[in-house]
C-alpha atoms as a PDB file:
ATOM      1  CA  UNK A   1       2.774  13.226  -4.190  1.00  0.00           C
ATOM      2  CA  UNK A   2      -0.054  10.843  -4.989  1.00  0.00           C
ATOM      3  CA  UNK A   3      -0.011   7.169  -5.738  1.00  0.00           C
ATOM      4  CA  UNK A   4      -0.400   5.202  -8.965  1.00  0.00           C
ATOM      5  CA  UNK A   5      -2.370   1.978  -9.425  1.00  0.00           C
ATOM      6  CA  UNK A   6      -2.110  -0.170 -12.570  1.00  0.00           C
ATOM      7  CA  UNK A   7      -4.940  -2.714 -12.463  1.00  0.00           C
ATOM      8  CA  UNK A   8      -5.067  -3.500 -16.163  1.00  0.00           C
ATOM      9  CA  UNK A   9      -1.701  -4.655 -17.490  1.00  0.00           C
ATOM     10  CA  UNK A  10      -1.425  -5.799 -21.078  1.00  0.00           C
ATOM     11  CA  UNK A  11      -2.486  -9.335 -22.050  1.00  0.00           C
ATOM     12  CA  UNK A  12       1.068 -10.495 -22.756  1.00  0.00           C
ATOM     13  CA  UNK A  13       2.318  -9.569 -19.290  1.00  0.00           C
ATOM     14  CA  UNK A  14       2.311 -11.919 -16.306  1.00  0.00           C
ATOM     15  CA  UNK A  15       2.004  -8.790 -14.145  1.00  0.00           C
ATOM     16  CA  UNK A  16      -1.416  -8.556 -12.532  1.00  0.00           C
ATOM     17  CA  UNK A  17      -0.952  -5.100 -11.032  1.00  0.00           C
ATOM     18  CA  UNK A  18       1.370  -2.410  -9.719  1.00  0.00           C
ATOM     19  CA  UNK A  19       1.313   0.412  -7.174  1.00  0.00           C
ATOM     20  CA  UNK A  20       3.732   3.323  -6.885  1.00  0.00           C
ATOM     21  CA  UNK A  21       3.391   4.883  -3.451  1.00  0.00           C
ATOM     22  CA  UNK A  22       5.108   7.770  -1.683  1.00  0.00           C
ATOM     23  CA  UNK A  23       7.519   6.701   1.075  1.00  0.00           C
ATOM     24  CA  UNK A  24       5.215   7.749   3.937  1.00  0.00           C
ATOM     25  CA  UNK A  25       3.575   5.654   6.674  1.00  0.00           C
ATOM     26  CA  UNK A  26       0.099   6.141   5.149  1.00  0.00           C
ATOM     27  CA  UNK A  27       1.238   4.174   2.094  1.00  0.00           C
ATOM     28  CA  UNK A  28       1.232   0.954   4.120  1.00  0.00           C
ATOM     29  CA  UNK A  29      -2.557   1.071   4.554  1.00  0.00           C
ATOM     30  CA  UNK A  30      -3.021   2.066   0.897  1.00  0.00           C
ATOM     31  CA  UNK A  31      -0.891  -0.880  -0.230  1.00  0.00           C
ATOM     32  CA  UNK A  32      -2.953  -3.306   1.875  1.00  0.00           C
ATOM     33  CA  UNK A  33      -6.268  -1.911   0.670  1.00  0.00           C
ATOM     34  CA  UNK A  34      -5.409  -1.668  -3.021  1.00  0.00           C
ATOM     35  CA  UNK A  35      -3.724  -5.061  -3.209  1.00  0.00           C
ATOM     36  CA  UNK A  36      -6.776  -6.711  -1.655  1.00  0.00           C
ATOM     37  CA  UNK A  37      -9.083  -4.833  -4.047  1.00  0.00           C
ATOM     38  CA  UNK A  38      -6.981  -5.668  -7.113  1.00  0.00           C
ATOM     39  CA  UNK A  39      -6.180  -9.331  -6.355  1.00  0.00           C
ATOM     40  CA  UNK A  40      -9.661 -10.441  -5.240  1.00  0.00           C
ATOM     41  CA  UNK A  41     -11.118 -10.554  -8.808  1.00  0.00           C
ATOM     42  CA  UNK A  42      -8.220 -12.872  -9.772  1.00  0.00           C
ATOM     43  CA  UNK A  43      -9.559 -15.378  -7.217  1.00  0.00           C
ATOM     44  CA  UNK A  44      -6.293 -16.740  -5.836  1.00  0.00           C
ATOM     45  CA  UNK A  45      -6.427 -19.936  -3.792  1.00  0.00           C
ATOM     46  CA  UNK A  46      -3.730 -18.733  -1.403  1.00  0.00           C
ATOM     47  CA  UNK A  47      -4.537 -16.644   1.661  1.00  0.00           C
ATOM     48  CA  UNK A  48      -5.052 -13.031   0.601  1.00  0.00           C
ATOM     49  CA  UNK A  49      -4.833 -12.077   4.299  1.00  0.00           C
ATOM     50  CA  UNK A  50      -1.342 -13.601   4.499  1.00  0.00           C
ATOM     51  CA  UNK A  51      -0.311 -11.732   1.332  1.00  0.00           C
ATOM     52  CA  UNK A  52      -1.689  -8.462   2.719  1.00  0.00           C
ATOM     53  CA  UNK A  53       0.236  -8.983   5.978  1.00  0.00           C
ATOM     54  CA  UNK A  54       3.485  -9.646   4.100  1.00  0.00           C
ATOM     55  CA  UNK A  55       2.955  -6.626   1.831  1.00  0.00           C
ATOM     56  CA  UNK A  56       2.312  -4.518   4.907  1.00  0.00           C
ATOM     57  CA  UNK A  57       5.588  -5.650   6.458  1.00  0.00           C
ATOM     58  CA  UNK A  58       7.625  -5.145   3.275  1.00  0.00           C
ATOM     59  CA  UNK A  59       6.174  -1.712   2.487  1.00  0.00           C
ATOM     60  CA  UNK A  60       6.784  -0.683   6.103  1.00  0.00           C
ATOM     61  CA  UNK A  61      10.414  -1.799   5.760  1.00  0.00           C
ATOM     62  CA  UNK A  62      10.741   0.083   2.461  1.00  0.00           C
ATOM     63  CA  UNK A  63       9.339   3.280   3.991  1.00  0.00           C
ATOM     64  CA  UNK A  64      11.511   3.000   7.115  1.00  0.00           C
ATOM     65  CA  UNK A  65      14.762   1.847   5.519  1.00  0.00           C
ATOM     66  CA  UNK A  66      14.689   3.097   1.901  1.00  0.00           C
ATOM     67  CA  UNK A  67      17.171   5.901   1.339  1.00  0.00           C
ATOM     68  CA  UNK A  68      17.756   8.181  -1.622  1.00  0.00           C
ATOM     69  CA  UNK A  69      18.945  11.705  -2.253  1.00  0.00           C
ATOM     70  CA  UNK A  70      16.359  11.980  -5.034  1.00  0.00           C
ATOM     71  CA  UNK A  71      12.580  11.845  -4.924  1.00  0.00           C
ATOM     72  CA  UNK A  72      11.525   8.168  -4.792  1.00  0.00           C
ATOM     73  CA  UNK A  73       8.563   5.826  -4.525  1.00  0.00           C
ATOM     74  CA  UNK A  74       7.857   2.420  -3.058  1.00  0.00           C
ATOM     75  CA  UNK A  75       6.856   0.210  -5.974  1.00  0.00           C
ATOM     76  CA  UNK A  76       4.730  -2.903  -5.358  1.00  0.00           C
ATOM     77  CA  UNK A  77       4.114  -5.326  -8.240  1.00  0.00           C
ATOM     78  CA  UNK A  78       2.332  -8.677  -8.313  1.00  0.00           C
ATOM     79  CA  UNK A  79       2.652 -11.372 -10.938  1.00  0.00           C
ATOM     80  CA  UNK A  80       1.073 -14.660 -11.890  1.00  0.00           C
ATOM     81  CA  UNK A  81       3.821 -17.157 -12.691  1.00  0.00           C
ATOM     82  CA  UNK A  82       2.158 -20.409 -13.793  1.00  0.00           C
ATOM     83  CA  UNK A  83       0.239 -21.376 -10.634  1.00  0.00           C
ATOM     84  CA  UNK A  84       2.244 -19.125  -8.264  1.00  0.00           C
ATOM     85  CA  UNK A  85       1.764 -15.545  -7.105  1.00  0.00           C
ATOM     86  CA  UNK A  86       4.905 -13.412  -6.781  1.00  0.00           C
ATOM     87  CA  UNK A  87       4.891 -10.015  -5.104  1.00  0.00           C
ATOM     88  CA  UNK A  88       7.847  -7.605  -5.455  1.00  0.00           C
ATOM     89  CA  UNK A  89       8.436  -4.537  -3.276  1.00  0.00           C
ATOM     90  CA  UNK A  90      11.049  -2.122  -4.660  1.00  0.00           C
ATOM     91  CA  UNK A  91      12.756   0.718  -2.796  1.00  0.00           C
ATOM     92  CA  UNK A  92      16.050   2.590  -2.916  1.00  0.00           C
ATOM     93  CA  UNK A  93      18.804   1.303  -0.690  1.00  0.00           C
ATOM     94  CA  UNK A  94      21.491  -1.337  -0.591  1.00  0.00           C
ATOM     95  CA  UNK A  95      20.290  -4.924  -1.247  1.00  0.00           C
ATOM     96  CA  UNK A  96      22.904  -6.337   1.115  1.00  0.00           C
ATOM     97  CA  UNK A  97      21.219  -4.533   4.026  1.00  0.00           C
ATOM     98  CA  UNK A  98      18.160  -6.841   3.851  1.00  0.00           C
ATOM     99  CA  UNK A  99      18.577  -9.661   6.334  1.00  0.00           C
ATOM    100  CA  UNK A 100      16.433 -12.034   8.331  1.00  0.00           C
ATOM    101  CA  UNK A 101      16.711 -11.227  12.027  1.00  0.00           C
ATOM    102  CA  UNK A 102      15.930 -13.393  15.027  1.00  0.00           C
ATOM    103  CA  UNK A 103      14.723 -10.760  17.523  1.00  0.00           C
ATOM    104  CA  UNK A 104      14.565 -11.397  21.240  1.00  0.00           C
ATOM    105  CA  UNK A 105      11.119 -11.667  22.805  1.00  0.00           C
ATOM    106  CA  UNK A 106      11.344  -8.129  24.193  1.00  0.00           C
ATOM    107  CA  UNK A 107      12.551  -6.517  20.919  1.00  0.00           C
ATOM    108  CA  UNK A 108       9.960  -4.095  19.530  1.00  0.00           C
ATOM    109  CA  UNK A 109      11.068  -4.345  15.877  1.00  0.00           C
ATOM    110  CA  UNK A 110      12.668  -6.857  13.533  1.00  0.00           C
ATOM    111  CA  UNK A 111       9.918  -9.385  12.828  1.00  0.00           C
ATOM    112  CA  UNK A 112       8.821  -8.326   9.319  1.00  0.00           C
ATOM    113  CA  UNK A 113      11.038 -10.662   7.303  1.00  0.00           C
ATOM    114  CA  UNK A 114      10.532 -13.385   9.906  1.00  0.00           C
ATOM    115  CA  UNK A 115       6.787 -13.212   9.145  1.00  0.00           C
ATOM    116  CA  UNK A 116       7.485 -13.316   5.412  1.00  0.00           C
ATOM    117  CA  UNK A 117       9.804 -16.277   5.912  1.00  0.00           C
ATOM    118  CA  UNK A 118       7.092 -18.084   7.891  1.00  0.00           C
ATOM    119  CA  UNK A 119       4.128 -17.365   5.589  1.00  0.00           C
ATOM    120  CA  UNK A 120       5.564 -17.405   2.059  1.00  0.00           C
ATOM    121  CA  UNK A 121       6.648 -20.504   0.193  1.00  0.00           C
ATOM    122  CA  UNK A 122       9.832 -18.622  -0.666  1.00  0.00           C
ATOM    123  CA  UNK A 123      11.283 -15.118  -0.591  1.00  0.00           C
ATOM    124  CA  UNK A 124      14.399 -13.343  -1.775  1.00  0.00           C
ATOM    125  CA  UNK A 125      16.039  -9.945  -1.856  1.00  0.00           C
ATOM    126  CA  UNK A 126      18.454  -8.440  -4.322  1.00  0.00           C
ATOM    127  CA  UNK A 127      19.091  -5.562  -6.679  1.00  0.00           C
ATOM    128  CA  UNK A 128      15.974  -4.010  -8.188  1.00  0.00           C
ATOM    129  CA  UNK A 129      15.685  -3.439 -11.923  1.00  0.00           C
ATOM    130  CA  UNK A 130      14.618   0.098 -10.968  1.00  0.00           C
ATOM    131  CA  UNK A 131      17.737   0.691  -8.872  1.00  0.00           C
ATOM    132  CA  UNK A 132      17.948  -0.009  -5.172  1.00  0.00           C
ATOM    133  CA  UNK A 133      16.483  -3.137  -3.623  1.00  0.00           C
ATOM    134  CA  UNK A 134      13.659  -5.568  -4.325  1.00  0.00           C
ATOM    135  CA  UNK A 135      12.238  -7.970  -1.768  1.00  0.00           C
ATOM    136  CA  UNK A 136       9.957 -10.634  -3.274  1.00  0.00           C
ATOM    137  CA  UNK A 137       7.799 -13.386  -1.902  1.00  0.00           C
ATOM    138  CA  UNK A 138       6.108 -16.293  -3.659  1.00  0.00           C
ATOM    139  CA  UNK A 139       2.891 -18.078  -2.791  1.00  0.00           C
ATOM    140  CA  UNK A 140       2.955 -21.434  -4.595  1.00  0.00           C
ATOM    141  CA  UNK A 141      -0.264 -23.023  -5.820  1.00  0.00           C
ATOM    142  CA  UNK A 142      -2.104 -19.704  -5.827  1.00  0.00           C
ATOM    143  CA  UNK A 143      -4.139 -20.853  -8.845  1.00  0.00           C
ATOM    144  CA  UNK A 144      -5.259 -24.154 -10.276  1.00  0.00           C
ATOM    145  CA  UNK A 145      -3.154 -25.366 -13.182  1.00  0.00           C
ATOM    146  CA  UNK A 146      -4.588 -24.692 -16.600  1.00  0.00           C
ATOM    147  CA  UNK A 147      -5.015 -27.981 -18.454  1.00  0.00           C
ATOM    148  CA  UNK A 148      -4.002 -27.810 -22.084  1.00  0.00           C
ATOM    149  CA  UNK A 149      -4.142 -31.055 -24.068  1.00  0.00           C
END
């Protein structure tokens, strides 16, 4: 299964782009690379490196923890909402299973959402409109306000 990139959404949509990736470890690197390539022309003021790190963590979680009997994809979408950037990562699974952990210093796993919580202005998880779970983060003040008299 390949991957799908939508870099040219319609004018009326706040969506800046979308990726549909197979639930395999290699998709994490693809998500990082394609997000960086697609968001750079939009010239956000927020840290693209921070966004790429958070996407990497969320796609990794989706690949590791997403479960479905049917064929499925990890869907990553990014939106401009006024001056904020919102990124959604969708996967199958139960929304209630997403939780912020406080791992011990010697724990090998469990820091992904802790990183998101530290870097993003806000984040949330819940039911996805595609079925399963969505985990979203927001970077406030990603763009300058547009002045309209």
